[in-house]
C-alpha atoms as a PDB file:
ATOM      1  CA  MET A   1     -17.065  40.727  12.746  1.00  0.00           C
ATOM      2  CA  ALA A   2     -16.748  38.353  10.019  1.00  0.00           C
ATOM      3  CA  THR A   3     -19.208  35.871   9.473  1.00  0.00           C
ATOM      4  CA  LYS A   4     -18.692  32.286   8.867  1.00  0.00           C
ATOM      5  CA  GLU A   5     -18.519  30.608   5.714  1.00  0.00           C
ATOM      6  CA  LYS A   6     -21.401  28.134   5.346  1.00  0.00           C
ATOM      7  CA  ILE A   7     -21.620  24.821   3.480  1.00  0.00           C
ATOM      8  CA  THR A   8     -23.773  24.860   0.348  1.00  0.00           C
ATOM      9  CA  GLU A   9     -24.929  22.535  -2.502  1.00  0.00           C
ATOM     10  CA  LYS A  10     -22.124  24.080  -4.585  1.00  0.00           C
ATOM     11  CA  THR A  11     -19.263  23.615  -2.283  1.00  0.00           C
ATOM     12  CA  LEU A  12     -16.847  21.197  -3.119  1.00  0.00           C
ATOM     13  CA  LEU A  13     -16.727  17.932  -1.283  1.00  0.00           C
ATOM     14  CA  GLY A  14     -12.790  18.156  -1.264  1.00  0.00           C
ATOM     15  CA  ASP A  15     -13.073  21.518   0.403  1.00  0.00           C
ATOM     16  CA  ILE A  16     -15.440  20.454   3.057  1.00  0.00           C
ATOM     17  CA  ILE A  17     -13.362  17.356   3.942  1.00  0.00           C
ATOM     18  CA  SER A  18     -10.376  19.570   4.304  1.00  0.00           C
ATOM     19  CA  LYS A  19     -11.981  22.679   6.047  1.00  0.00           C
ATOM     20  CA  TYR A  20     -14.417  20.847   8.173  1.00  0.00           C
ATOM     21  CA  PRO A  21     -13.303  17.348   9.698  1.00  0.00           C
ATOM     22  CA  LYS A  22     -16.487  17.099  11.828  1.00  0.00           C
ATOM     23  CA  ALA A  23     -18.600  17.584   8.568  1.00  0.00           C
ATOM     24  CA  ALA A  24     -16.524  14.927   6.796  1.00  0.00           C
ATOM     25  CA  GLU A  25     -17.527  12.576   9.749  1.00  0.00           C
ATOM     26  CA  LYS A  26     -21.141  13.277   9.282  1.00  0.00           C
ATOM     27  CA  LEU A  27     -20.900  12.870   5.435  1.00  0.00           C
ATOM     28  CA  PHE A  28     -19.523   9.441   6.148  1.00  0.00           C
ATOM     29  CA  GLN A  29     -22.206   8.603   8.599  1.00  0.00           C
ATOM     30  CA  MET A  30     -24.696   9.592   6.035  1.00  0.00           C
ATOM     31  CA  GLY A  31     -23.579   7.377   3.541  1.00  0.00           C
ATOM     32  CA  LEU A  32     -21.280   9.496   1.473  1.00  0.00           C
ATOM     33  CA  MET A  33     -18.367   7.701   1.561  1.00  0.00           C
ATOM     34  CA  CYS A  34     -16.849  10.340  -0.576  1.00  0.00           C
ATOM     35  CA  VAL A  35     -14.448  11.057   2.032  1.00  0.00           C
ATOM     36  CA  MET A  36     -12.390   8.291   0.634  1.00  0.00           C
ATOM     37  CA  CYS A  37     -12.960   9.097  -3.108  1.00  0.00           C
ATOM     38  CA  GLY A  38     -10.454  10.809  -5.052  1.00  0.00           C
ATOM     39  CA  MET A  39     -13.456  12.307  -7.066  1.00  0.00           C
ATOM     40  CA  ALA A  40     -14.369  14.485  -3.933  1.00  0.00           C
ATOM     41  CA  GLN A  41     -11.904  16.941  -4.742  1.00  0.00           C
ATOM     42  CA  ASN A  42     -13.804  18.224  -8.175  1.00  0.00           C
ATOM     43  CA  GLU A  43     -17.487  16.886  -7.150  1.00  0.00           C
ATOM     44  CA  THR A  44     -19.963  19.334  -5.471  1.00  0.00           C
ATOM     45  CA  LEU A  45     -22.064  18.268  -2.548  1.00  0.00           C
ATOM     46  CA  GLU A  46     -25.142  18.404  -4.688  1.00  0.00           C
ATOM     47  CA  GLN A  47     -23.399  15.860  -7.104  1.00  0.00           C
ATOM     48  CA  GLY A  48     -22.361  13.557  -4.312  1.00  0.00           C
ATOM     49  CA  ALA A  49     -25.604  13.664  -2.636  1.00  0.00           C
ATOM     50  CA  ILE A  50     -27.801  12.689  -5.780  1.00  0.00           C
ATOM     51  CA  ALA A  51     -25.389   9.923  -6.669  1.00  0.00           C
ATOM     52  CA  HIS A  52     -26.036   8.596  -3.177  1.00  0.00           C
ATOM     53  CA  GLY A  53     -29.699   8.990  -3.245  1.00  0.00           C
ATOM     54  CA  LEU A  54     -29.762  11.761  -0.697  1.00  0.00           C
ATOM     55  CA  ASP A  55     -31.596  15.187  -0.901  1.00  0.00           C
ATOM     56  CA  PRO A  56     -28.890  17.824  -1.165  1.00  0.00           C
ATOM     57  CA  LYS A  57     -30.783  20.481   0.543  1.00  0.00           C
ATOM     58  CA  LYS A  58     -31.215  18.096   3.607  1.00  0.00           C
ATOM     59  CA  VAL A  59     -27.519  17.148   3.723  1.00  0.00           C
ATOM     60  CA  VAL A  60     -26.376  21.042   3.425  1.00  0.00           C
ATOM     61  CA  LYS A  61     -28.762  21.618   6.580  1.00  0.00           C
ATOM     62  CA  GLU A  62     -27.050  18.798   8.691  1.00  0.00           C
ATOM     63  CA  LEU A  63     -23.314  19.830   7.884  1.00  0.00           C
ATOM     64  CA  ASN A  64     -23.969  23.652   8.459  1.00  0.00           C
ATOM     65  CA  LYS A  65     -25.191  22.282  11.744  1.00  0.00           C
ATOM     66  CA  VAL A  66     -22.033  20.282  12.622  1.00  0.00           C
ATOM     67  CA  ILE A  67     -19.849  23.319  11.572  1.00  0.00           C
ATOM     68  CA  LYS A  68     -21.934  25.890  13.593  1.00  0.00           C
END
């Protein structure tokens, strides 16, 4: 049985947006408007979270709940 891939602090925002639409919605709700930004393709979740004053570990936890 294959294990489901999890989101980490090093996951690119662009990958999250393309692979996990519900996680992208959660990012938007959390104030990470990165879903609309061209920089998201090359920026990690950690970089985006810090830039928006969020704790990357908490963001990862919330996103993994969404994709579970």
